[in-house]
């Protein structure tokens, strides 16, 4: 059995016009928040290369993977940070949410920008159990792109599981509410022939989740757009939206989503 916590966090890119909420004033708050949870892994969105390198330097014991959405180190990343003392990186990669997922920088359907998914195959050093994690950021404008991007994610996870039967986590900013088509698709409530049926961590919530995007204003009125999903073989529990501020300021314009996970040994 492997147990720990997983976090999904949109970091908000380094925008100087954010003033007091710009990245140099927040990076310490992000570090403080993450270290309070000491997660096994963190799926981040919107991180630019310099941001990620700075964050990594302040997170002892963590390594990270990921490319920019235009390839290499260019533009925003969907980087995955992982506790390298507990987890061994076995494989990693990235694909684009488009009709040409292997083409760096490709833009899919009606998306406004290239959108990506970073993935990793990891092994728990203590138990020897392996799993995959996928981390993504769906388009903020393209309705078709969000739905087809979610479909591509579901199919890729299903294909990988047919290959190695490993359980998987999916984290990200989906720019979608719980009742929207992309989320229903991933939960198996839409187009059931696809058979995705991922577990949504919010199903374990004992209270209203509320908004996860807050534009540095705080509050909880609204619905979430950030999620953690899992396949069979990974139990999700104790889901929390961390709404704390640090010294009166928020780590990002999104709240971190914190979920306890338990990875079970495979059935023989």
C-alpha atoms as a PDB file:
ATOM      1  CA  UNK A   1       0.000   0.000   0.000  1.00  0.00           C
ATOM      2  CA  UNK A   2       1.181   3.512  -0.800  1.00  0.00           C
ATOM      3  CA  UNK A   3      -0.445   6.476   0.910  1.00  0.00           C
ATOM      4  CA  UNK A   4       0.104  10.196   0.599  1.00  0.00           C
ATOM      5  CA  UNK A   5      -1.318  13.447  -0.678  1.00  0.00           C
ATOM      6  CA  UNK A   6      -1.608  14.881  -4.164  1.00  0.00           C
ATOM      7  CA  UNK A   7      -2.048  18.564  -4.993  1.00  0.00           C
ATOM      8  CA  UNK A   8      -3.310  20.273  -8.133  1.00  0.00           C
ATOM      9  CA  UNK A   9      -2.383  23.956  -8.345  1.00  0.00           C
ATOM     10  CA  UNK A  10      -2.583  26.525 -11.129  1.00  0.00           C
ATOM     11  CA  UNK A  11       0.389  28.753 -10.269  1.00  0.00           C
ATOM     12  CA  UNK A  12      -0.705  31.808 -12.314  1.00  0.00           C
ATOM     13  CA  UNK A  13       2.018  32.771 -14.767  1.00  0.00           C
ATOM     14  CA  UNK A  14       4.504  35.512 -13.920  1.00  0.00           C
ATOM     15  CA  UNK A  15       2.566  38.637 -14.888  1.00  0.00           C
ATOM     16  CA  UNK A  16       4.220  41.877 -13.676  1.00  0.00           C
ATOM     17  CA  UNK A  17       0.903  43.706 -14.052  1.00  0.00           C
ATOM     18  CA  UNK A  18      -0.382  41.658 -11.109  1.00  0.00           C
ATOM     19  CA  UNK A  19       1.539  44.098  -8.909  1.00  0.00           C
ATOM     20  CA  UNK A  20       1.633  42.899  -5.311  1.00  0.00           C
ATOM     21  CA  UNK A  21       0.273  39.544  -6.486  1.00  0.00           C
ATOM     22  CA  UNK A  22       2.983  38.993  -9.112  1.00  0.00           C
ATOM     23  CA  UNK A  23       5.108  35.855  -8.888  1.00  0.00           C
ATOM     24  CA  UNK A  24       8.158  37.274  -7.037  1.00  0.00           C
ATOM     25  CA  UNK A  25       5.831  38.255  -4.188  1.00  0.00           C
ATOM     26  CA  UNK A  26       4.093  34.866  -4.135  1.00  0.00           C
ATOM     27  CA  UNK A  27       6.700  32.179  -4.665  1.00  0.00           C
ATOM     28  CA  UNK A  28       7.437  31.984  -0.932  1.00  0.00           C
ATOM     29  CA  UNK A  29       3.718  31.600  -0.215  1.00  0.00           C
ATOM     30  CA  UNK A  30       3.482  28.731  -2.707  1.00  0.00           C
ATOM     31  CA  UNK A  31       6.414  27.010  -1.012  1.00  0.00           C
ATOM     32  CA  UNK A  32       4.928  27.496   2.464  1.00  0.00           C
ATOM     33  CA  UNK A  33       1.573  26.101   1.337  1.00  0.00           C
ATOM     34  CA  UNK A  34       3.015  23.053  -0.412  1.00  0.00           C
ATOM     35  CA  UNK A  35       5.391  22.164   2.390  1.00  0.00           C
ATOM     36  CA  UNK A  36       2.481  22.303   4.828  1.00  0.00           C
ATOM     37  CA  UNK A  37       1.020  19.317   2.954  1.00  0.00           C
ATOM     38  CA  UNK A  38       4.287  17.628   1.918  1.00  0.00           C
ATOM     39  CA  UNK A  39       2.532  15.954  -1.043  1.00  0.00           C
ATOM     40  CA  UNK A  40       3.807  12.979  -2.974  1.00  0.00           C
ATOM     41  CA  UNK A  41       3.319  14.974  -6.138  1.00  0.00           C
ATOM     42  CA  UNK A  42       1.976  18.298  -7.360  1.00  0.00           C
ATOM     43  CA  UNK A  43       0.366  18.863 -10.737  1.00  0.00           C
ATOM     44  CA  UNK A  44       0.997  22.513 -11.636  1.00  0.00           C
ATOM     45  CA  UNK A  45      -0.327  24.642 -14.461  1.00  0.00           C
ATOM     46  CA  UNK A  46       0.831  27.935 -16.032  1.00  0.00           C
ATOM     47  CA  UNK A  47       4.381  27.740 -14.698  1.00  0.00           C
ATOM     48  CA  UNK A  48       7.019  29.434 -16.851  1.00  0.00           C
ATOM     49  CA  UNK A  49      10.503  27.918 -16.890  1.00  0.00           C
ATOM     50  CA  UNK A  50      12.045  30.486 -14.574  1.00  0.00           C
ATOM     51  CA  UNK A  51       9.170  30.151 -12.115  1.00  0.00           C
ATOM     52  CA  UNK A  52       9.531  26.389 -12.009  1.00  0.00           C
ATOM     53  CA  UNK A  53      13.286  26.520 -11.518  1.00  0.00           C
ATOM     54  CA  UNK A  54      12.867  29.019  -8.686  1.00  0.00           C
ATOM     55  CA  UNK A  55      10.157  26.918  -7.088  1.00  0.00           C
ATOM     56  CA  UNK A  56      12.253  23.748  -7.354  1.00  0.00           C
ATOM     57  CA  UNK A  57      15.193  25.465  -5.668  1.00  0.00           C
ATOM     58  CA  UNK A  58      12.953  26.265  -2.694  1.00  0.00           C
ATOM     59  CA  UNK A  59      11.353  22.800  -2.450  1.00  0.00           C
ATOM     60  CA  UNK A  60      14.023  20.482  -1.023  1.00  0.00           C
ATOM     61  CA  UNK A  61      13.444  16.840  -1.819  1.00  0.00           C
ATOM     62  CA  UNK A  62      11.397  17.523  -4.950  1.00  0.00           C
ATOM     63  CA  UNK A  63      12.216  17.148  -8.628  1.00  0.00           C
ATOM     64  CA  UNK A  64      10.062  18.169 -11.591  1.00  0.00           C
ATOM     65  CA  UNK A  65       9.342  17.271 -15.203  1.00  0.00           C
ATOM     66  CA  UNK A  66       7.609  18.956 -18.112  1.00  0.00           C
ATOM     67  CA  UNK A  67       7.994  20.958 -21.311  1.00  0.00           C
ATOM     68  CA  UNK A  68       6.479  24.233 -22.413  1.00  0.00           C
ATOM     69  CA  UNK A  69       3.303  24.157 -24.455  1.00  0.00           C
ATOM     70  CA  UNK A  70       5.204  25.274 -27.556  1.00  0.00           C
ATOM     71  CA  UNK A  71       7.897  22.654 -26.989  1.00  0.00           C
ATOM     72  CA  UNK A  72      11.146  22.698 -25.034  1.00  0.00           C
ATOM     73  CA  UNK A  73      11.198  25.395 -22.367  1.00  0.00           C
ATOM     74  CA  UNK A  74       9.000  27.860 -24.251  1.00  0.00           C
ATOM     75  CA  UNK A  75       5.788  29.255 -22.745  1.00  0.00           C
ATOM     76  CA  UNK A  76       3.633  27.788 -19.968  1.00  0.00           C
ATOM     77  CA  UNK A  77       4.234  24.283 -18.593  1.00  0.00           C
ATOM     78  CA  UNK A  78       2.056  21.665 -16.952  1.00  0.00           C
ATOM     79  CA  UNK A  79       4.942  20.578 -14.753  1.00  0.00           C
ATOM     80  CA  UNK A  80       4.714  17.700 -12.299  1.00  0.00           C
ATOM     81  CA  UNK A  81       6.692  18.005  -9.066  1.00  0.00           C
ATOM     82  CA  UNK A  82       7.328  14.781  -7.163  1.00  0.00           C
ATOM     83  CA  UNK A  83       8.975  13.767  -3.886  1.00  0.00           C
ATOM     84  CA  UNK A  84      12.074  12.011  -5.223  1.00  0.00           C
ATOM     85  CA  UNK A  85      12.898  10.514  -1.841  1.00  0.00           C
ATOM     86  CA  UNK A  86       9.635   8.557  -1.978  1.00  0.00           C
ATOM     87  CA  UNK A  87       9.058   8.210  -5.710  1.00  0.00           C
ATOM     88  CA  UNK A  88      11.324   6.964  -8.485  1.00  0.00           C
ATOM     89  CA  UNK A  89      10.745   8.380 -11.958  1.00  0.00           C
ATOM     90  CA  UNK A  90      10.533   5.525 -14.492  1.00  0.00           C
ATOM     91  CA  UNK A  91       9.249   7.273 -17.627  1.00  0.00           C
ATOM     92  CA  UNK A  92       7.997  10.698 -18.636  1.00  0.00           C
ATOM     93  CA  UNK A  93       6.538  12.461 -21.631  1.00  0.00           C
ATOM     94  CA  UNK A  94       4.158  15.035 -23.009  1.00  0.00           C
ATOM     95  CA  UNK A  95       1.480  15.231 -25.675  1.00  0.00           C
ATOM     96  CA  UNK A  96      -0.589  18.027 -27.142  1.00  0.00           C
ATOM     97  CA  UNK A  97      -4.348  18.218 -26.867  1.00  0.00           C
ATOM     98  CA  UNK A  98      -4.962  18.430 -30.581  1.00  0.00           C
ATOM     99  CA  UNK A  99      -5.644  16.331 -33.652  1.00  0.00           C
ATOM    100  CA  UNK A 100      -1.828  15.884 -33.812  1.00  0.00           C
ATOM    101  CA  UNK A 101      -0.881  15.075 -30.205  1.00  0.00           C
ATOM    102  CA  UNK A 102       2.730  14.346 -31.075  1.00  0.00           C
ATOM    103  CA  UNK A 103       3.300  17.703 -32.796  1.00  0.00           C
ATOM    104  CA  UNK A 104       4.848  20.287 -30.472  1.00  0.00           C
ATOM    105  CA  UNK A 105       2.920  23.530 -30.391  1.00  0.00           C
ATOM    106  CA  UNK A 106      -0.115  22.156 -32.231  1.00  0.00           C
ATOM    107  CA  UNK A 107      -3.457  23.821 -31.502  1.00  0.00           C
ATOM    108  CA  UNK A 108      -6.525  21.597 -31.395  1.00  0.00           C
ATOM    109  CA  UNK A 109     -10.099  22.210 -32.505  1.00  0.00           C
ATOM    110  CA  UNK A 110     -11.284  25.701 -31.465  1.00  0.00           C
ATOM    111  CA  UNK A 111      -8.621  26.236 -28.774  1.00  0.00           C
ATOM    112  CA  UNK A 112      -7.083  29.660 -28.409  1.00  0.00           C
ATOM    113  CA  UNK A 113      -3.615  28.284 -27.575  1.00  0.00           C
ATOM    114  CA  UNK A 114      -1.595  25.071 -27.607  1.00  0.00           C
ATOM    115  CA  UNK A 115      -2.719  22.854 -24.729  1.00  0.00           C
ATOM    116  CA  UNK A 116      -0.712  19.990 -23.276  1.00  0.00           C
ATOM    117  CA  UNK A 117      -0.643  17.038 -20.928  1.00  0.00           C
ATOM    118  CA  UNK A 118       2.537  16.085 -19.076  1.00  0.00           C
ATOM    119  CA  UNK A 119       2.732  12.513 -17.798  1.00  0.00           C
ATOM    120  CA  UNK A 120       4.991  10.437 -15.610  1.00  0.00           C
ATOM    121  CA  UNK A 121       5.344   6.795 -14.666  1.00  0.00           C
ATOM    122  CA  UNK A 122       6.504   6.586 -11.056  1.00  0.00           C
ATOM    123  CA  UNK A 123       7.313   3.879  -8.536  1.00  0.00           C
ATOM    124  CA  UNK A 124       6.937   4.128  -4.779  1.00  0.00           C
ATOM    125  CA  UNK A 125      10.347   3.255  -3.353  1.00  0.00           C
ATOM    126  CA  UNK A 126       8.930   1.735  -0.161  1.00  0.00           C
ATOM    127  CA  UNK A 127       6.218  -0.533  -1.555  1.00  0.00           C
ATOM    128  CA  UNK A 128       7.491  -1.008  -5.100  1.00  0.00           C
ATOM    129  CA  UNK A 129       4.051  -0.091  -6.461  1.00  0.00           C
ATOM    130  CA  UNK A 130       4.015   1.819  -9.756  1.00  0.00           C
ATOM    131  CA  UNK A 131       1.438   4.216 -11.167  1.00  0.00           C
ATOM    132  CA  UNK A 132       1.034   6.917 -13.784  1.00  0.00           C
ATOM    133  CA  UNK A 133       0.051  10.535 -13.358  1.00  0.00           C
ATOM    134  CA  UNK A 134      -1.182  12.968 -15.985  1.00  0.00           C
ATOM    135  CA  UNK A 135      -1.383  16.714 -15.538  1.00  0.00           C
ATOM    136  CA  UNK A 136      -3.161  19.100 -17.892  1.00  0.00           C
ATOM    137  CA  UNK A 137      -4.771  22.495 -18.520  1.00  0.00           C
ATOM    138  CA  UNK A 138      -7.766  22.654 -20.858  1.00  0.00           C
ATOM    139  CA  UNK A 139      -8.436  25.700 -23.006  1.00  0.00           C
ATOM    140  CA  UNK A 140     -10.203  28.666 -21.452  1.00  0.00           C
ATOM    141  CA  UNK A 141     -12.108  29.644 -24.621  1.00  0.00           C
ATOM    142  CA  UNK A 142     -12.666  26.664 -26.904  1.00  0.00           C
ATOM    143  CA  UNK A 143     -15.774  24.691 -25.930  1.00  0.00           C
ATOM    144  CA  UNK A 144     -15.032  21.950 -28.460  1.00  0.00           C
ATOM    145  CA  UNK A 145     -11.379  21.931 -27.465  1.00  0.00           C
ATOM    146  CA  UNK A 146     -12.263  21.293 -23.828  1.00  0.00           C
ATOM    147  CA  UNK A 147     -14.539  18.390 -24.700  1.00  0.00           C
ATOM    148  CA  UNK A 148     -12.227  16.822 -27.266  1.00  0.00           C
ATOM    149  CA  UNK A 149      -9.204  17.469 -25.049  1.00  0.00           C
ATOM    150  CA  UNK A 150     -10.924  15.567 -22.237  1.00  0.00           C
ATOM    151  CA  UNK A 151     -11.772  12.767 -24.667  1.00  0.00           C
ATOM    152  CA  UNK A 152      -8.136  12.563 -25.780  1.00  0.00           C
ATOM    153  CA  UNK A 153      -7.016  12.421 -22.143  1.00  0.00           C
ATOM    154  CA  UNK A 154      -9.473   9.662 -21.336  1.00  0.00           C
ATOM    155  CA  UNK A 155      -8.447   7.614 -24.363  1.00  0.00           C
ATOM    156  CA  UNK A 156      -4.740   8.048 -23.652  1.00  0.00           C
ATOM    157  CA  UNK A 157      -5.157   6.928 -20.040  1.00  0.00           C
ATOM    158  CA  UNK A 158      -7.238   3.942 -21.164  1.00  0.00           C
ATOM    159  CA  UNK A 159      -4.677   2.992 -23.832  1.00  0.00           C
ATOM    160  CA  UNK A 160      -1.800   3.180 -21.355  1.00  0.00           C
ATOM    161  CA  UNK A 161      -3.704   1.035 -18.870  1.00  0.00           C
ATOM    162  CA  UNK A 162      -4.325  -1.606 -21.499  1.00  0.00           C
ATOM    163  CA  UNK A 163      -0.578  -1.673 -22.061  1.00  0.00           C
ATOM    164  CA  UNK A 164       0.695  -1.939 -18.480  1.00  0.00           C
ATOM    165  CA  UNK A 165      -2.440  -2.144 -16.258  1.00  0.00           C
ATOM    166  CA  UNK A 166      -1.096   0.546 -13.954  1.00  0.00           C
ATOM    167  CA  UNK A 167      -3.521   2.775 -12.040  1.00  0.00           C
ATOM    168  CA  UNK A 168      -3.424   6.467 -12.850  1.00  0.00           C
ATOM    169  CA  UNK A 169      -4.082   9.935 -11.490  1.00  0.00           C
ATOM    170  CA  UNK A 170      -5.232  12.917 -13.523  1.00  0.00           C
ATOM    171  CA  UNK A 171      -4.816  16.454 -12.174  1.00  0.00           C
ATOM    172  CA  UNK A 172      -5.423  19.803 -13.766  1.00  0.00           C
ATOM    173  CA  UNK A 173      -7.248  23.016 -14.444  1.00  0.00           C
ATOM    174  CA  UNK A 174     -10.104  21.926 -16.692  1.00  0.00           C
ATOM    175  CA  UNK A 175     -11.781  25.332 -17.056  1.00  0.00           C
ATOM    176  CA  UNK A 176     -15.036  23.409 -16.602  1.00  0.00           C
ATOM    177  CA  UNK A 177     -17.655  23.149 -13.884  1.00  0.00           C
ATOM    178  CA  UNK A 178     -18.709  19.745 -12.487  1.00  0.00           C
ATOM    179  CA  UNK A 179     -21.819  19.602 -14.675  1.00  0.00           C
ATOM    180  CA  UNK A 180     -20.015  20.554 -17.884  1.00  0.00           C
ATOM    181  CA  UNK A 181     -19.512  18.041 -20.686  1.00  0.00           C
ATOM    182  CA  UNK A 182     -15.726  17.467 -20.259  1.00  0.00           C
ATOM    183  CA  UNK A 183     -16.077  16.537 -16.595  1.00  0.00           C
ATOM    184  CA  UNK A 184     -19.142  14.380 -17.172  1.00  0.00           C
ATOM    185  CA  UNK A 185     -17.259  12.623 -19.978  1.00  0.00           C
ATOM    186  CA  UNK A 186     -14.310  11.766 -17.734  1.00  0.00           C
ATOM    187  CA  UNK A 187     -16.648  10.514 -14.994  1.00  0.00           C
ATOM    188  CA  UNK A 188     -18.379   8.250 -17.507  1.00  0.00           C
ATOM    189  CA  UNK A 189     -21.693  10.111 -17.392  1.00  0.00           C
ATOM    190  CA  UNK A 190     -21.567  11.253 -21.024  1.00  0.00           C
ATOM    191  CA  UNK A 191     -20.900   9.040 -24.053  1.00  0.00           C
ATOM    192  CA  UNK A 192     -20.803   5.898 -21.871  1.00  0.00           C
ATOM    193  CA  UNK A 193     -19.441   3.905 -24.791  1.00  0.00           C
ATOM    194  CA  UNK A 194     -16.101   5.571 -24.139  1.00  0.00           C
ATOM    195  CA  UNK A 195     -16.046   3.820 -20.751  1.00  0.00           C
ATOM    196  CA  UNK A 196     -13.699   6.234 -18.975  1.00  0.00           C
ATOM    197  CA  UNK A 197     -15.466   6.267 -15.602  1.00  0.00           C
ATOM    198  CA  UNK A 198     -12.742   8.060 -13.652  1.00  0.00           C
ATOM    199  CA  UNK A 199     -13.311   8.702  -9.950  1.00  0.00           C
ATOM    200  CA  UNK A 200     -13.743  12.389  -9.161  1.00  0.00           C
ATOM    201  CA  UNK A 201     -12.185  13.375  -5.831  1.00  0.00           C
ATOM    202  CA  UNK A 202     -15.056  15.770  -5.196  1.00  0.00           C
ATOM    203  CA  UNK A 203     -17.365  12.777  -4.803  1.00  0.00           C
ATOM    204  CA  UNK A 204     -15.646  12.283  -1.430  1.00  0.00           C
ATOM    205  CA  UNK A 205     -16.369  15.810  -0.222  1.00  0.00           C
ATOM    206  CA  UNK A 206     -18.591  16.131   2.836  1.00  0.00           C
ATOM    207  CA  UNK A 207     -19.410  19.796   2.214  1.00  0.00           C
ATOM    208  CA  UNK A 208     -19.943  22.136  -0.733  1.00  0.00           C
ATOM    209  CA  UNK A 209     -16.689  22.508  -2.669  1.00  0.00           C
ATOM    210  CA  UNK A 210     -17.209  26.041  -3.925  1.00  0.00           C
ATOM    211  CA  UNK A 211     -14.996  27.946  -6.335  1.00  0.00           C
ATOM    212  CA  UNK A 212     -11.361  27.036  -6.885  1.00  0.00           C
ATOM    213  CA  UNK A 213     -10.545  30.095  -9.028  1.00  0.00           C
ATOM    214  CA  UNK A 214     -10.761  33.383  -7.136  1.00  0.00           C
ATOM    215  CA  UNK A 215      -8.661  35.986  -9.037  1.00  0.00           C
ATOM    216  CA  UNK A 216      -6.672  36.797  -5.864  1.00  0.00           C
ATOM    217  CA  UNK A 217      -9.894  37.918  -4.194  1.00  0.00           C
ATOM    218  CA  UNK A 218     -10.504  34.913  -1.956  1.00  0.00           C
ATOM    219  CA  UNK A 219     -13.969  33.641  -1.147  1.00  0.00           C
ATOM    220  CA  UNK A 220     -15.667  30.412  -2.112  1.00  0.00           C
ATOM    221  CA  UNK A 221     -18.870  31.326  -3.949  1.00  0.00           C
ATOM    222  CA  UNK A 222     -19.152  29.423  -7.209  1.00  0.00           C
ATOM    223  CA  UNK A 223     -18.047  26.068  -8.599  1.00  0.00           C
ATOM    224  CA  UNK A 224     -14.653  24.400  -9.031  1.00  0.00           C
ATOM    225  CA  UNK A 225     -12.661  24.257 -12.249  1.00  0.00           C
ATOM    226  CA  UNK A 226      -9.621  22.398 -10.827  1.00  0.00           C
ATOM    227  CA  UNK A 227      -9.788  18.617 -10.321  1.00  0.00           C
ATOM    228  CA  UNK A 228      -8.130  15.399  -9.258  1.00  0.00           C
ATOM    229  CA  UNK A 229      -9.328  12.140 -10.847  1.00  0.00           C
ATOM    230  CA  UNK A 230      -8.196   8.540 -10.445  1.00  0.00           C
ATOM    231  CA  UNK A 231      -8.666   5.183 -12.129  1.00  0.00           C
ATOM    232  CA  UNK A 232      -9.469   1.939 -10.396  1.00  0.00           C
ATOM    233  CA  UNK A 233      -6.637   0.945  -8.060  1.00  0.00           C
ATOM    234  CA  UNK A 234      -6.260   4.366  -6.436  1.00  0.00           C
ATOM    235  CA  UNK A 235      -8.608   5.370  -3.619  1.00  0.00           C
ATOM    236  CA  UNK A 236      -9.313   9.089  -3.160  1.00  0.00           C
ATOM    237  CA  UNK A 237     -10.361  10.600   0.164  1.00  0.00           C
ATOM    238  CA  UNK A 238     -10.197  13.716   2.323  1.00  0.00           C
ATOM    239  CA  UNK A 239     -10.447  16.207  -0.540  1.00  0.00           C
ATOM    240  CA  UNK A 240      -9.802  19.791   0.544  1.00  0.00           C
ATOM    241  CA  UNK A 241      -9.669  23.172  -1.124  1.00  0.00           C
ATOM    242  CA  UNK A 242      -6.886  24.987   0.719  1.00  0.00           C
ATOM    243  CA  UNK A 243      -8.124  28.561   1.043  1.00  0.00           C
ATOM    244  CA  UNK A 244      -5.437  29.791   3.402  1.00  0.00           C
ATOM    245  CA  UNK A 245      -3.557  32.996   2.751  1.00  0.00           C
ATOM    246  CA  UNK A 246       0.023  33.603   3.835  1.00  0.00           C
ATOM    247  CA  UNK A 247       0.794  36.970   5.399  1.00  0.00           C
ATOM    248  CA  UNK A 248      -2.452  38.271   3.975  1.00  0.00           C
ATOM    249  CA  UNK A 249      -1.796  37.139   0.389  1.00  0.00           C
ATOM    250  CA  UNK A 250      -2.836  34.107  -1.605  1.00  0.00           C
ATOM    251  CA  UNK A 251      -0.283  31.797  -3.226  1.00  0.00           C
ATOM    252  CA  UNK A 252      -2.140  32.002  -6.553  1.00  0.00           C
ATOM    253  CA  UNK A 253      -5.376  33.090  -8.197  1.00  0.00           C
ATOM    254  CA  UNK A 254      -6.466  29.432  -7.862  1.00  0.00           C
ATOM    255  CA  UNK A 255      -6.702  27.519  -4.613  1.00  0.00           C
ATOM    256  CA  UNK A 256      -4.668  24.332  -4.246  1.00  0.00           C
ATOM    257  CA  UNK A 257      -6.749  21.134  -4.368  1.00  0.00           C
ATOM    258  CA  UNK A 258      -5.409  18.608  -1.833  1.00  0.00           C
ATOM    259  CA  UNK A 259      -6.460  14.957  -1.964  1.00  0.00           C
ATOM    260  CA  UNK A 260      -5.381  11.948   0.075  1.00  0.00           C
ATOM    261  CA  UNK A 261      -4.636   8.898  -2.055  1.00  0.00           C
ATOM    262  CA  UNK A 262      -4.064   5.218  -1.342  1.00  0.00           C
ATOM    263  CA  UNK A 263      -2.558   2.999  -4.007  1.00  0.00           C
ATOM    264  CA  UNK A 264      -3.564  -0.625  -3.553  1.00  0.00           C
ATOM    265  CA  UNK A 265      -1.518  -3.633  -4.692  1.00  0.00           C
ATOM    266  CA  UNK A 266      -2.897  -5.087  -7.938  1.00  0.00           C
ATOM    267  CA  UNK A 267      -5.351  -7.964  -7.730  1.00  0.00           C
ATOM    268  CA  UNK A 268      -3.800 -11.311  -8.628  1.00  0.00           C
END
